[in-house]
Amino acid sequence: MRWRCSGLLVASMLAVAACGGDDGEPIDPEADEEIVNAAVLTIDDLPEGFVEEPPDDDDDDESADRCLEDILGMTRDEFEDSRTARSEAVQFEGDTSSIRVRVSAFADADVPGDVMDAFDGDDFIDCLREAFEDDPETAEFELTTLEARDPLAGDEATAYHLAVGLNVVEQDIEVESRLAALLVDRFVVSIESTSFEGGTDEAFLADALETMAERVESER
């Protein structure tokens, strides 16, 4: 299953000024890197039938960049200059679904929290919809659904959950993508799932987020 909504991978945009943590203590990027790498899911965490595959694209997303800059006033350069640590993206493929996860570390919770809040606003969702439709790389898809839903874990202040419905035009196949993230202090655990229509397992996605969140807490 390789249909992915790469034009809307907003989770990878999250970043914050790398100065000091919420408690004012200096940040150790090497320690953060160890935490995010230890927290990310492994194949042993997934049900039988999934296999680990190399990620099928990178996280650069000019469309999401545009919306974050227009709505929140953040630029890609600010993101890249400020992130403290980020795990490699890990991708798992099943017969009918694809799962991609990542864990990131930030200097404090303020900016990731602002991004979570943005997903609760119509302006941000409308901007994402327009950016998707304007992006030539998404021409093979017809956007049928784009909406914010109740968080899979946490609450609106600490999480987001975006549902995206797509029609693969040439094959006339309906697929659905979910983008979700959970803020754990100054760490963000994120997951992207793409399945054939009706195949999304929300309970599994919530468990995956909570598993990574618990590992962040235990490693800190």
N, C-alpha and C. Protein backbone atom coordinates (compact mmCIF):
# COMPACT_ATOMS: atom_id res chain seq x y z
N MET A 1 0.86 -1.19 0.00
CA MET A 1 0.00 0.00 0.00
C MET A 1 0.89 1.23 0.00
N ARG A 2 0.95 1.96 -1.11
CA ARG A 2 1.90 3.06 -1.20
C ARG A 2 1.24 4.40 -1.55
N TRP A 3 -0.06 4.52 -1.36
CA TRP A 3 -0.67 5.83 -1.54
C TRP A 3 -0.43 6.64 -0.29
N ARG A 4 0.26 7.75 -0.42
CA ARG A 4 0.53 8.59 0.75
C ARG A 4 0.25 10.03 0.41
N CYS A 5 -0.25 10.77 1.40
CA CYS A 5 -0.58 12.17 1.20
C CYS A 5 0.63 13.02 1.54
N SER A 6 1.70 12.89 0.73
CA SER A 6 2.95 13.55 1.04
C SER A 6 2.83 15.07 1.01
N GLY A 7 1.89 15.61 0.22
CA GLY A 7 1.72 17.05 0.15
C GLY A 7 1.14 17.65 1.40
N LEU A 8 0.73 16.82 2.37
CA LEU A 8 0.14 17.34 3.59
C LEU A 8 0.83 16.80 4.83
N LEU A 9 2.11 16.49 4.73
CA LEU A 9 2.81 15.91 5.87
C LEU A 9 3.22 17.03 6.81
N VAL A 10 2.23 17.58 7.51
CA VAL A 10 2.46 18.76 8.34
C VAL A 10 3.26 18.43 9.58
N ALA A 11 3.18 17.21 10.04
CA ALA A 11 3.89 16.87 11.28
C ALA A 11 5.36 17.20 11.20
N SER A 12 5.95 17.06 10.02
CA SER A 12 7.38 17.31 9.88
C SER A 12 7.73 18.79 9.96
N MET A 13 6.72 19.68 9.95
CA MET A 13 6.99 21.10 10.00
C MET A 13 7.28 21.60 11.41
N LEU A 14 6.90 20.85 12.43
CA LEU A 14 6.97 21.35 13.80
C LEU A 14 8.41 21.61 14.23
N ALA A 15 8.69 22.81 14.70
CA ALA A 15 10.00 23.13 15.25
C ALA A 15 9.89 24.37 16.12
N VAL A 16 10.96 24.64 16.92
CA VAL A 16 10.88 25.74 17.88
C VAL A 16 12.29 26.20 18.22
N ALA A 17 12.43 27.46 18.61
CA ALA A 17 13.75 28.04 18.86
C ALA A 17 14.56 27.21 19.85
N ALA A 18 15.75 26.83 19.45
CA ALA A 18 16.58 25.93 20.28
C ALA A 18 17.44 26.75 21.23
N CYS A 19 16.83 27.18 22.32
CA CYS A 19 17.58 28.00 23.28
C CYS A 19 17.62 27.31 24.62
N GLY A 20 16.47 27.12 25.27
CA GLY A 20 16.43 26.43 26.54
C GLY A 20 15.11 25.73 26.70
N GLY A 21 15.02 24.75 27.60
CA GLY A 21 13.79 24.01 27.80
C GLY A 21 12.77 24.82 28.56
N ASP A 22 11.60 24.19 28.81
CA ASP A 22 10.54 24.88 29.52
C ASP A 22 10.97 25.27 30.93
N ASP A 23 11.86 24.50 31.52
CA ASP A 23 12.30 24.82 32.87
C ASP A 23 13.56 25.68 32.90
N GLY A 24 14.01 26.15 31.72
CA GLY A 24 15.16 27.02 31.65
C GLY A 24 16.49 26.31 31.60
N GLU A 25 16.49 24.98 31.73
CA GLU A 25 17.75 24.24 31.69
C GLU A 25 18.24 24.12 30.26
N PRO A 26 19.58 24.10 30.06
CA PRO A 26 20.12 23.98 28.71
C PRO A 26 19.68 22.67 28.05
N ILE A 27 19.49 22.74 26.73
CA ILE A 27 19.11 21.56 25.96
C ILE A 27 20.36 20.85 25.49
N ASP A 28 20.37 19.53 25.61
CA ASP A 28 21.46 18.70 25.10
C ASP A 28 20.94 17.98 23.86
N PRO A 29 21.27 18.45 22.65
CA PRO A 29 20.75 17.82 21.43
C PRO A 29 21.09 16.33 21.33
N GLU A 30 22.27 15.94 21.82
CA GLU A 30 22.63 14.53 21.75
C GLU A 30 21.72 13.68 22.64
N ALA A 31 21.38 14.20 23.80
CA ALA A 31 20.46 13.49 24.68
C ALA A 31 19.07 13.42 24.05
N ASP A 32 18.64 14.53 23.42
CA ASP A 32 17.36 14.53 22.73
C ASP A 32 17.33 13.50 21.60
N GLU A 33 18.42 13.40 20.88
CA GLU A 33 18.48 12.43 19.78
C GLU A 33 18.33 11.01 20.29
N GLU A 34 18.96 10.71 21.42
CA GLU A 34 18.82 9.38 22.00
C GLU A 34 17.37 9.10 22.39
N ILE A 35 16.70 10.11 22.93
CA ILE A 35 15.31 9.93 23.36
C ILE A 35 14.40 9.67 22.16
N VAL A 36 14.51 10.50 21.11
CA VAL A 36 13.59 10.33 19.98
C VAL A 36 13.83 9.01 19.26
N ASN A 37 15.08 8.59 19.18
CA ASN A 37 15.36 7.31 18.51
C ASN A 37 14.86 6.13 19.32
N ALA A 38 14.90 6.24 20.64
CA ALA A 38 14.42 5.16 21.50
C ALA A 38 12.89 5.10 21.53
N ALA A 39 12.23 6.21 21.25
CA ALA A 39 10.77 6.28 21.38
C ALA A 39 10.03 5.83 20.13
N VAL A 40 10.65 5.89 18.97
CA VAL A 40 9.93 5.62 17.72
C VAL A 40 9.53 4.15 17.64
N LEU A 41 8.42 3.88 16.97
CA LEU A 41 7.93 2.50 16.84
C LEU A 41 8.92 1.63 16.08
N THR A 42 8.86 0.33 16.36
CA THR A 42 9.61 -0.67 15.61
C THR A 42 8.63 -1.69 15.04
N ILE A 43 9.12 -2.55 14.19
CA ILE A 43 8.26 -3.56 13.57
C ILE A 43 7.62 -4.45 14.62
N ASP A 44 8.28 -4.65 15.76
CA ASP A 44 7.73 -5.50 16.82
C ASP A 44 6.47 -4.91 17.44
N ASP A 45 6.24 -3.60 17.25
CA ASP A 45 5.06 -2.95 17.81
C ASP A 45 3.84 -3.10 16.91
N LEU A 46 4.02 -3.57 15.69
CA LEU A 46 2.93 -3.62 14.73
C LEU A 46 2.31 -5.01 14.65
N PRO A 47 1.05 -5.09 14.23
CA PRO A 47 0.42 -6.40 14.07
C PRO A 47 1.11 -7.23 12.98
N GLU A 48 0.88 -8.51 13.03
CA GLU A 48 1.43 -9.40 12.01
C GLU A 48 0.92 -9.00 10.64
N GLY A 49 1.78 -9.07 9.65
CA GLY A 49 1.40 -8.70 8.29
C GLY A 49 2.07 -7.44 7.80
N PHE A 50 2.60 -6.63 8.72
CA PHE A 50 3.33 -5.43 8.33
C PHE A 50 4.82 -5.75 8.17
N VAL A 51 5.46 -5.05 7.25
CA VAL A 51 6.90 -5.14 7.07
C VAL A 51 7.45 -3.72 7.04
N GLU A 52 8.69 -3.54 7.50
CA GLU A 52 9.32 -2.23 7.45
C GLU A 52 9.90 -2.00 6.06
N GLU A 53 9.66 -0.81 5.52
CA GLU A 53 10.14 -0.44 4.20
C GLU A 53 10.85 0.91 4.28
N PRO A 54 11.78 1.20 3.37
CA PRO A 54 12.37 2.55 3.34
C PRO A 54 11.28 3.58 3.08
N PRO A 55 11.33 4.73 3.76
CA PRO A 55 10.35 5.78 3.48
C PRO A 55 10.33 6.12 2.00
N ASP A 56 9.14 6.32 1.43
CA ASP A 56 9.03 6.46 -0.02
C ASP A 56 9.16 7.89 -0.52
N ASP A 57 9.33 8.86 0.39
CA ASP A 57 9.67 10.22 -0.03
C ASP A 57 10.20 10.96 1.17
N ASP A 58 10.65 12.22 0.93
CA ASP A 58 11.17 13.01 2.05
C ASP A 58 10.05 13.83 2.67
N ASP A 59 10.43 14.67 3.64
CA ASP A 59 9.42 15.43 4.38
C ASP A 59 9.29 16.88 3.92
N ASP A 60 9.99 17.27 2.86
CA ASP A 60 9.86 18.64 2.39
C ASP A 60 8.45 18.86 1.86
N ASP A 61 7.83 19.92 2.26
CA ASP A 61 6.43 20.17 1.91
C ASP A 61 6.21 21.67 1.77
N GLU A 62 6.36 22.18 0.58
CA GLU A 62 6.22 23.61 0.35
C GLU A 62 4.79 24.08 0.60
N SER A 63 3.81 23.22 0.35
CA SER A 63 2.42 23.60 0.57
C SER A 63 2.16 23.86 2.05
N ALA A 64 2.58 22.93 2.90
CA ALA A 64 2.38 23.12 4.33
C ALA A 64 3.23 24.28 4.84
N ASP A 65 4.44 24.44 4.28
CA ASP A 65 5.27 25.59 4.64
C ASP A 65 4.50 26.88 4.44
N ARG A 66 3.83 26.97 3.29
CA ARG A 66 3.11 28.19 2.95
C ARG A 66 2.02 28.49 3.97
N CYS A 67 1.29 27.46 4.38
CA CYS A 67 0.19 27.67 5.33
C CYS A 67 0.70 28.05 6.71
N LEU A 68 1.78 27.40 7.15
CA LEU A 68 2.31 27.76 8.45
C LEU A 68 2.85 29.18 8.47
N GLU A 69 3.43 29.60 7.34
CA GLU A 69 3.92 30.97 7.29
C GLU A 69 2.77 31.96 7.21
N ASP A 70 1.75 31.66 6.38
CA ASP A 70 0.62 32.57 6.22
C ASP A 70 -0.20 32.70 7.49
N ILE A 71 -0.43 31.57 8.17
CA ILE A 71 -1.33 31.57 9.32
C ILE A 71 -0.60 31.82 10.63
N LEU A 72 0.60 31.24 10.78
CA LEU A 72 1.32 31.33 12.05
C LEU A 72 2.56 32.22 11.99
N GLY A 73 2.97 32.63 10.79
CA GLY A 73 4.14 33.48 10.67
C GLY A 73 5.45 32.76 10.88
N MET A 74 5.49 31.45 10.63
CA MET A 74 6.72 30.66 10.78
C MET A 74 7.25 30.30 9.40
N THR A 75 8.57 30.34 9.24
CA THR A 75 9.18 29.98 7.97
C THR A 75 9.92 28.65 8.10
N ARG A 76 10.16 28.03 6.95
CA ARG A 76 10.91 26.77 6.94
C ARG A 76 12.31 26.96 7.53
N ASP A 77 12.97 28.07 7.20
CA ASP A 77 14.31 28.30 7.74
C ASP A 77 14.29 28.35 9.26
N GLU A 78 13.27 28.98 9.82
CA GLU A 78 13.15 29.03 11.28
C GLU A 78 12.98 27.62 11.84
N PHE A 79 12.20 26.80 11.15
CA PHE A 79 12.02 25.42 11.59
C PHE A 79 13.35 24.67 11.60
N GLU A 80 14.05 24.73 10.46
CA GLU A 80 15.26 23.94 10.31
C GLU A 80 16.38 24.42 11.22
N ASP A 81 16.42 25.71 11.49
CA ASP A 81 17.47 26.26 12.36
C ASP A 81 17.23 25.95 13.83
N SER A 82 16.00 25.59 14.18
CA SER A 82 15.65 25.54 15.59
C SER A 82 15.38 24.14 16.15
N ARG A 83 15.20 23.17 15.34
CA ARG A 83 14.87 21.83 15.84
C ARG A 83 16.06 21.27 16.64
N THR A 84 15.78 20.60 17.75
CA THR A 84 16.86 20.05 18.57
C THR A 84 17.22 18.63 18.17
N ALA A 85 16.22 17.82 17.78
CA ALA A 85 16.50 16.44 17.38
C ALA A 85 15.26 15.88 16.68
N ARG A 86 15.50 14.91 15.80
CA ARG A 86 14.39 14.25 15.11
C ARG A 86 14.82 12.86 14.71
N SER A 87 13.99 11.88 14.97
CA SER A 87 14.29 10.52 14.55
C SER A 87 14.17 10.42 13.04
N GLU A 88 14.73 9.37 12.47
CA GLU A 88 14.46 9.06 11.08
C GLU A 88 12.99 8.69 10.93
N ALA A 89 12.41 9.01 9.79
CA ALA A 89 11.06 8.54 9.52
C ALA A 89 11.10 7.02 9.35
N VAL A 90 10.15 6.33 9.96
CA VAL A 90 10.07 4.88 9.87
C VAL A 90 8.73 4.53 9.23
N GLN A 91 8.77 3.69 8.21
CA GLN A 91 7.57 3.36 7.46
C GLN A 91 7.33 1.86 7.45
N PHE A 92 6.05 1.49 7.62
CA PHE A 92 5.64 0.09 7.63
C PHE A 92 4.53 -0.10 6.61
N GLU A 93 4.60 -1.19 5.86
CA GLU A 93 3.63 -1.47 4.82
C GLU A 93 2.86 -2.75 5.13
N GLY A 94 1.54 -2.67 5.04
CA GLY A 94 0.69 -3.85 5.14
C GLY A 94 -0.02 -4.08 3.82
N ASP A 95 -0.89 -5.06 3.79
CA ASP A 95 -1.61 -5.37 2.56
C ASP A 95 -2.53 -4.25 2.12
N THR A 96 -3.13 -3.54 3.07
CA THR A 96 -4.12 -2.51 2.73
C THR A 96 -3.83 -1.16 3.35
N SER A 97 -2.71 -1.02 4.04
CA SER A 97 -2.43 0.26 4.69
C SER A 97 -0.94 0.50 4.82
N SER A 98 -0.59 1.77 4.97
CA SER A 98 0.79 2.20 5.15
C SER A 98 0.84 3.08 6.40
N ILE A 99 1.85 2.85 7.24
CA ILE A 99 2.02 3.62 8.47
C ILE A 99 3.41 4.25 8.46
N ARG A 100 3.48 5.51 8.82
CA ARG A 100 4.76 6.21 8.88
C ARG A 100 4.81 6.98 10.20
N VAL A 101 5.91 6.84 10.95
CA VAL A 101 6.00 7.47 12.28
C VAL A 101 7.31 8.23 12.41
N ARG A 102 7.28 9.19 13.33
CA ARG A 102 8.49 9.97 13.62
C ARG A 102 8.34 10.62 14.99
N VAL A 103 9.48 10.85 15.65
CA VAL A 103 9.48 11.54 16.94
C VAL A 103 10.45 12.71 16.84
N SER A 104 10.03 13.87 17.33
CA SER A 104 10.85 15.08 17.27
C SER A 104 11.00 15.70 18.65
N ALA A 105 12.09 16.42 18.83
CA ALA A 105 12.34 17.13 20.09
C ALA A 105 12.48 18.62 19.81
N PHE A 106 12.00 19.44 20.72
CA PHE A 106 12.02 20.89 20.58
C PHE A 106 12.51 21.52 21.87
N ALA A 107 12.86 22.77 21.79
CA ALA A 107 13.42 23.44 22.97
C ALA A 107 12.38 23.68 24.05
N ASP A 108 11.14 23.95 23.67
CA ASP A 108 10.05 24.07 24.63
C ASP A 108 8.76 23.77 23.90
N ALA A 109 7.66 23.85 24.61
CA ALA A 109 6.38 23.40 24.06
C ALA A 109 5.59 24.50 23.36
N ASP A 110 6.06 25.75 23.40
CA ASP A 110 5.22 26.86 22.94
C ASP A 110 4.83 26.76 21.47
N VAL A 111 5.83 26.65 20.58
CA VAL A 111 5.51 26.66 19.16
C VAL A 111 4.79 25.38 18.72
N PRO A 112 5.23 24.19 19.14
CA PRO A 112 4.42 23.01 18.81
C PRO A 112 2.98 23.15 19.30
N GLY A 113 2.79 23.76 20.46
CA GLY A 113 1.44 23.99 20.95
C GLY A 113 0.65 24.90 20.04
N ASP A 114 1.31 25.94 19.50
CA ASP A 114 0.64 26.84 18.56
C ASP A 114 0.21 26.09 17.30
N VAL A 115 1.05 25.16 16.85
CA VAL A 115 0.71 24.39 15.65
C VAL A 115 -0.50 23.50 15.93
N MET A 116 -0.53 22.87 17.11
CA MET A 116 -1.70 22.08 17.47
C MET A 116 -2.96 22.93 17.41
N ASP A 117 -2.88 24.15 17.96
CA ASP A 117 -4.03 25.05 17.95
C ASP A 117 -4.46 25.40 16.54
N ALA A 118 -3.50 25.54 15.63
CA ALA A 118 -3.82 25.93 14.26
C ALA A 118 -4.74 24.93 13.58
N PHE A 119 -4.58 23.66 13.90
CA PHE A 119 -5.41 22.63 13.29
C PHE A 119 -6.87 22.72 13.72
N ASP A 120 -7.14 23.51 14.75
CA ASP A 120 -8.51 23.68 15.21
C ASP A 120 -9.17 24.89 14.55
N GLY A 121 -8.46 25.54 13.64
CA GLY A 121 -8.98 26.75 13.01
C GLY A 121 -9.32 26.56 11.54
N ASP A 122 -10.43 27.16 11.11
CA ASP A 122 -10.86 27.03 9.72
C ASP A 122 -9.85 27.62 8.74
N ASP A 123 -9.18 28.72 9.13
CA ASP A 123 -8.25 29.37 8.21
C ASP A 123 -7.12 28.42 7.81
N PHE A 124 -6.59 27.68 8.78
CA PHE A 124 -5.49 26.78 8.49
C PHE A 124 -5.94 25.63 7.61
N ILE A 125 -7.10 25.05 7.92
CA ILE A 125 -7.62 23.94 7.11
C ILE A 125 -7.93 24.41 5.70
N ASP A 126 -8.52 25.59 5.56
CA ASP A 126 -8.82 26.13 4.23
C ASP A 126 -7.53 26.35 3.43
N CYS A 127 -6.49 26.83 4.11
CA CYS A 127 -5.21 27.05 3.44
C CYS A 127 -4.62 25.73 2.97
N LEU A 128 -4.69 24.70 3.79
CA LEU A 128 -4.19 23.38 3.39
C LEU A 128 -4.94 22.85 2.18
N ARG A 129 -6.25 23.05 2.17
CA ARG A 129 -7.05 22.58 1.04
C ARG A 129 -6.63 23.30 -0.25
N GLU A 130 -6.48 24.60 -0.18
CA GLU A 130 -6.07 25.36 -1.36
C GLU A 130 -4.67 24.96 -1.81
N ALA A 131 -3.77 24.78 -0.85
CA ALA A 131 -2.40 24.41 -1.19
C ALA A 131 -2.35 23.04 -1.86
N PHE A 132 -3.15 22.11 -1.35
CA PHE A 132 -3.20 20.77 -1.96
C PHE A 132 -3.68 20.86 -3.40
N GLU A 133 -4.74 21.61 -3.62
CA GLU A 133 -5.32 21.70 -4.96
C GLU A 133 -4.41 22.45 -5.92
N ASP A 134 -3.56 23.33 -5.40
CA ASP A 134 -2.64 24.11 -6.26
C ASP A 134 -1.34 23.36 -6.55
N ASP A 135 -1.06 22.31 -5.79
CA ASP A 135 0.23 21.62 -5.90
C ASP A 135 0.22 20.67 -7.10
N PRO A 136 1.09 20.88 -8.10
CA PRO A 136 1.10 19.98 -9.27
C PRO A 136 1.44 18.54 -8.91
N GLU A 137 2.13 18.31 -7.79
CA GLU A 137 2.49 16.95 -7.40
C GLU A 137 1.29 16.15 -6.91
N THR A 138 0.17 16.80 -6.64
CA THR A 138 -1.03 16.10 -6.18
C THR A 138 -2.07 15.96 -7.29
N ALA A 139 -1.68 16.21 -8.53
CA ALA A 139 -2.64 16.20 -9.64
C ALA A 139 -3.30 14.83 -9.84
N GLU A 140 -2.61 13.76 -9.44
CA GLU A 140 -3.18 12.42 -9.62
C GLU A 140 -4.28 12.12 -8.61
N PHE A 141 -4.47 13.00 -7.61
CA PHE A 141 -5.47 12.78 -6.58
C PHE A 141 -6.59 13.82 -6.67
N GLU A 142 -7.80 13.40 -6.40
CA GLU A 142 -8.91 14.30 -6.18
C GLU A 142 -9.19 14.34 -4.69
N LEU A 143 -9.14 15.52 -4.11
CA LEU A 143 -9.36 15.67 -2.68
C LEU A 143 -10.85 15.61 -2.39
N THR A 144 -11.28 14.61 -1.62
CA THR A 144 -12.70 14.45 -1.30
C THR A 144 -13.03 14.87 0.14
N THR A 145 -12.07 14.77 1.02
CA THR A 145 -12.28 15.14 2.42
C THR A 145 -11.02 15.77 2.98
N LEU A 146 -11.16 16.84 3.73
CA LEU A 146 -10.05 17.41 4.49
C LEU A 146 -10.65 18.10 5.70
N GLU A 147 -10.51 17.47 6.86
CA GLU A 147 -11.14 18.03 8.05
C GLU A 147 -10.39 17.65 9.31
N ALA A 148 -10.44 18.55 10.28
CA ALA A 148 -9.87 18.26 11.59
C ALA A 148 -10.89 17.46 12.39
N ARG A 149 -10.41 16.43 13.08
CA ARG A 149 -11.28 15.60 13.91
C ARG A 149 -10.77 15.59 15.34
N ASP A 150 -11.56 15.01 16.23
CA ASP A 150 -11.14 14.93 17.63
C ASP A 150 -9.81 14.20 17.73
N PRO A 151 -8.93 14.65 18.60
CA PRO A 151 -7.62 13.99 18.73
C PRO A 151 -7.77 12.51 19.03
N LEU A 152 -6.84 11.73 18.48
CA LEU A 152 -6.82 10.30 18.77
C LEU A 152 -6.28 10.02 20.17
N ALA A 153 -5.45 10.92 20.67
CA ALA A 153 -4.89 10.83 22.03
C ALA A 153 -4.66 12.26 22.50
N GLY A 154 -4.71 12.49 23.78
CA GLY A 154 -4.55 13.85 24.27
C GLY A 154 -5.79 14.67 24.03
N ASP A 155 -5.62 16.00 23.95
CA ASP A 155 -6.75 16.90 23.71
C ASP A 155 -6.34 17.95 22.70
N GLU A 156 -7.25 18.89 22.41
CA GLU A 156 -6.99 19.88 21.36
C GLU A 156 -5.78 20.75 21.65
N ALA A 157 -5.40 20.89 22.91
CA ALA A 157 -4.24 21.71 23.26
C ALA A 157 -2.92 20.97 23.06
N THR A 158 -2.98 19.65 22.97
CA THR A 158 -1.74 18.88 22.90
C THR A 158 -1.70 17.93 21.71
N ALA A 159 -2.69 17.99 20.83
CA ALA A 159 -2.72 17.01 19.74
C ALA A 159 -3.50 17.55 18.56
N TYR A 160 -3.28 16.94 17.41
CA TYR A 160 -4.15 17.16 16.26
C TYR A 160 -4.40 15.84 15.55
N HIS A 161 -5.47 15.85 14.75
CA HIS A 161 -5.87 14.67 13.99
C HIS A 161 -6.55 15.17 12.73
N LEU A 162 -5.91 14.96 11.59
CA LEU A 162 -6.42 15.44 10.31
C LEU A 162 -6.82 14.25 9.46
N ALA A 163 -8.05 14.28 8.95
CA ALA A 163 -8.55 13.22 8.07
C ALA A 163 -8.56 13.74 6.64
N VAL A 164 -7.97 12.97 5.73
CA VAL A 164 -7.87 13.36 4.32
C VAL A 164 -8.43 12.22 3.48
N GLY A 165 -9.43 12.50 2.66
CA GLY A 165 -9.97 11.52 1.73
C GLY A 165 -9.53 11.84 0.32
N LEU A 166 -9.10 10.83 -0.41
CA LEU A 166 -8.55 11.03 -1.75
C LEU A 166 -9.14 10.01 -2.72
N ASN A 167 -9.32 10.45 -3.96
CA ASN A 167 -9.62 9.54 -5.05
C ASN A 167 -8.41 9.52 -5.98
N VAL A 168 -7.85 8.32 -6.20
CA VAL A 168 -6.75 8.17 -7.13
C VAL A 168 -7.37 8.12 -8.52
N VAL A 169 -7.23 9.22 -9.27
CA VAL A 169 -8.06 9.46 -10.44
C VAL A 169 -7.93 8.35 -11.48
N GLU A 170 -6.73 7.99 -11.87
CA GLU A 170 -6.56 7.03 -12.96
C GLU A 170 -7.09 5.66 -12.60
N GLN A 171 -6.96 5.25 -11.34
CA GLN A 171 -7.43 3.94 -10.91
C GLN A 171 -8.85 3.99 -10.33
N ASP A 172 -9.36 5.20 -10.07
CA ASP A 172 -10.67 5.37 -9.43
C ASP A 172 -10.72 4.57 -8.12
N ILE A 173 -9.71 4.77 -7.29
CA ILE A 173 -9.61 4.10 -6.00
C ILE A 173 -9.75 5.15 -4.90
N GLU A 174 -10.59 4.88 -3.92
CA GLU A 174 -10.77 5.78 -2.79
C GLU A 174 -9.82 5.36 -1.66
N VAL A 175 -9.04 6.32 -1.19
CA VAL A 175 -8.14 6.06 -0.06
C VAL A 175 -8.34 7.15 0.98
N GLU A 176 -7.91 6.85 2.19
CA GLU A 176 -8.01 7.83 3.26
C GLU A 176 -6.69 7.90 4.01
N SER A 177 -6.29 9.12 4.33
CA SER A 177 -5.05 9.34 5.06
C SER A 177 -5.37 10.04 6.37
N ARG A 178 -4.67 9.65 7.42
CA ARG A 178 -4.81 10.32 8.71
C ARG A 178 -3.44 10.83 9.14
N LEU A 179 -3.41 12.07 9.57
CA LEU A 179 -2.21 12.67 10.12
C LEU A 179 -2.52 13.03 11.57
N ALA A 180 -1.72 12.53 12.48
CA ALA A 180 -1.98 12.78 13.89
C ALA A 180 -0.67 12.97 14.64
N ALA A 181 -0.71 13.80 15.66
CA ALA A 181 0.48 14.05 16.48
C ALA A 181 0.05 14.32 17.91
N LEU A 182 0.97 14.06 18.83
CA LEU A 182 0.72 14.26 20.25
C LEU A 182 1.94 14.95 20.86
N LEU A 183 1.69 16.03 21.58
CA LEU A 183 2.75 16.80 22.24
C LEU A 183 2.98 16.24 23.63
N VAL A 184 4.22 15.86 23.93
CA VAL A 184 4.60 15.31 25.23
C VAL A 184 5.69 16.21 25.79
N ASP A 185 5.29 17.14 26.67
CA ASP A 185 6.21 18.16 27.15
C ASP A 185 6.77 18.93 25.95
N ARG A 186 8.07 18.76 25.60
CA ARG A 186 8.63 19.45 24.45
C ARG A 186 8.96 18.47 23.31
N PHE A 187 8.36 17.31 23.34
CA PHE A 187 8.54 16.30 22.30
C PHE A 187 7.22 16.10 21.55
N VAL A 188 7.33 15.78 20.27
CA VAL A 188 6.14 15.50 19.46
C VAL A 188 6.28 14.12 18.83
N VAL A 189 5.29 13.27 19.07
CA VAL A 189 5.23 11.97 18.39
C VAL A 189 4.18 12.10 17.31
N SER A 190 4.48 11.60 16.12
CA SER A 190 3.56 11.80 15.00
C SER A 190 3.41 10.51 14.21
N ILE A 191 2.25 10.37 13.58
CA ILE A 191 1.95 9.20 12.77
C ILE A 191 1.14 9.62 11.56
N GLU A 192 1.40 8.97 10.44
CA GLU A 192 0.62 9.14 9.22
C GLU A 192 0.18 7.76 8.76
N SER A 193 -1.10 7.63 8.51
CA SER A 193 -1.66 6.35 8.05
C SER A 193 -2.40 6.59 6.75
N THR A 194 -2.20 5.70 5.77
CA THR A 194 -2.96 5.74 4.54
C THR A 194 -3.51 4.35 4.27
N SER A 195 -4.82 4.27 4.03
CA SER A 195 -5.49 2.99 3.84
C SER A 195 -6.52 3.12 2.74
N PHE A 196 -6.98 1.98 2.25
CA PHE A 196 -8.14 2.00 1.38
C PHE A 196 -9.33 2.48 2.18
N GLU A 197 -10.32 3.06 1.50
CA GLU A 197 -11.46 3.67 2.18
C GLU A 197 -12.09 2.70 3.17
N GLY A 198 -12.31 3.19 4.39
CA GLY A 198 -12.92 2.38 5.42
C GLY A 198 -11.95 1.49 6.17
N GLY A 199 -10.66 1.56 5.82
CA GLY A 199 -9.69 0.66 6.43
C GLY A 199 -8.89 1.25 7.56
N THR A 200 -9.14 2.49 7.95
CA THR A 200 -8.37 3.12 9.02
C THR A 200 -8.76 2.54 10.37
N ASP A 201 -7.76 2.13 11.11
CA ASP A 201 -7.97 1.59 12.46
C ASP A 201 -7.57 2.67 13.46
N GLU A 202 -8.53 3.48 13.90
CA GLU A 202 -8.23 4.60 14.79
C GLU A 202 -7.69 4.13 16.14
N ALA A 203 -8.20 3.01 16.62
CA ALA A 203 -7.74 2.51 17.91
C ALA A 203 -6.26 2.15 17.84
N PHE A 204 -5.83 1.54 16.73
CA PHE A 204 -4.42 1.22 16.57
C PHE A 204 -3.57 2.48 16.49
N LEU A 205 -4.03 3.48 15.75
CA LEU A 205 -3.27 4.73 15.63
C LEU A 205 -3.13 5.40 17.00
N ALA A 206 -4.21 5.40 17.77
CA ALA A 206 -4.15 5.98 19.12
C ALA A 206 -3.16 5.22 19.99
N ASP A 207 -3.20 3.89 19.92
CA ASP A 207 -2.26 3.09 20.70
C ASP A 207 -0.82 3.38 20.30
N ALA A 208 -0.58 3.55 18.99
CA ALA A 208 0.77 3.82 18.51
C ALA A 208 1.28 5.16 19.06
N LEU A 209 0.44 6.17 19.03
CA LEU A 209 0.83 7.47 19.58
C LEU A 209 1.13 7.36 21.07
N GLU A 210 0.26 6.67 21.79
CA GLU A 210 0.44 6.55 23.24
C GLU A 210 1.68 5.72 23.58
N THR A 211 1.98 4.71 22.76
CA THR A 211 3.18 3.91 22.99
C THR A 211 4.43 4.78 22.87
N MET A 212 4.49 5.59 21.80
CA MET A 212 5.65 6.46 21.63
C MET A 212 5.72 7.52 22.72
N ALA A 213 4.56 8.04 23.12
CA ALA A 213 4.54 9.04 24.19
C ALA A 213 5.06 8.45 25.50
N GLU A 214 4.64 7.23 25.81
CA GLU A 214 5.11 6.59 27.03
C GLU A 214 6.64 6.35 26.99
N ARG A 215 7.15 6.04 25.82
CA ARG A 215 8.59 5.84 25.71
C ARG A 215 9.35 7.15 25.88
N VAL A 216 8.80 8.23 25.35
CA VAL A 216 9.43 9.54 25.58
C VAL A 216 9.51 9.81 27.07
N GLU A 217 8.38 9.61 27.77
CA GLU A 217 8.35 9.87 29.21
C GLU A 217 9.35 9.01 29.95
N SER A 218 9.46 7.74 29.58
CA SER A 218 10.38 6.85 30.31
C SER A 218 11.83 7.13 30.01
N GLU A 219 12.14 7.70 28.83
CA GLU A 219 13.52 7.97 28.44
C GLU A 219 14.03 9.31 28.95
N ARG A 220 13.13 10.19 29.32
CA ARG A 220 13.54 11.53 29.73
C ARG A 220 14.21 11.51 31.10
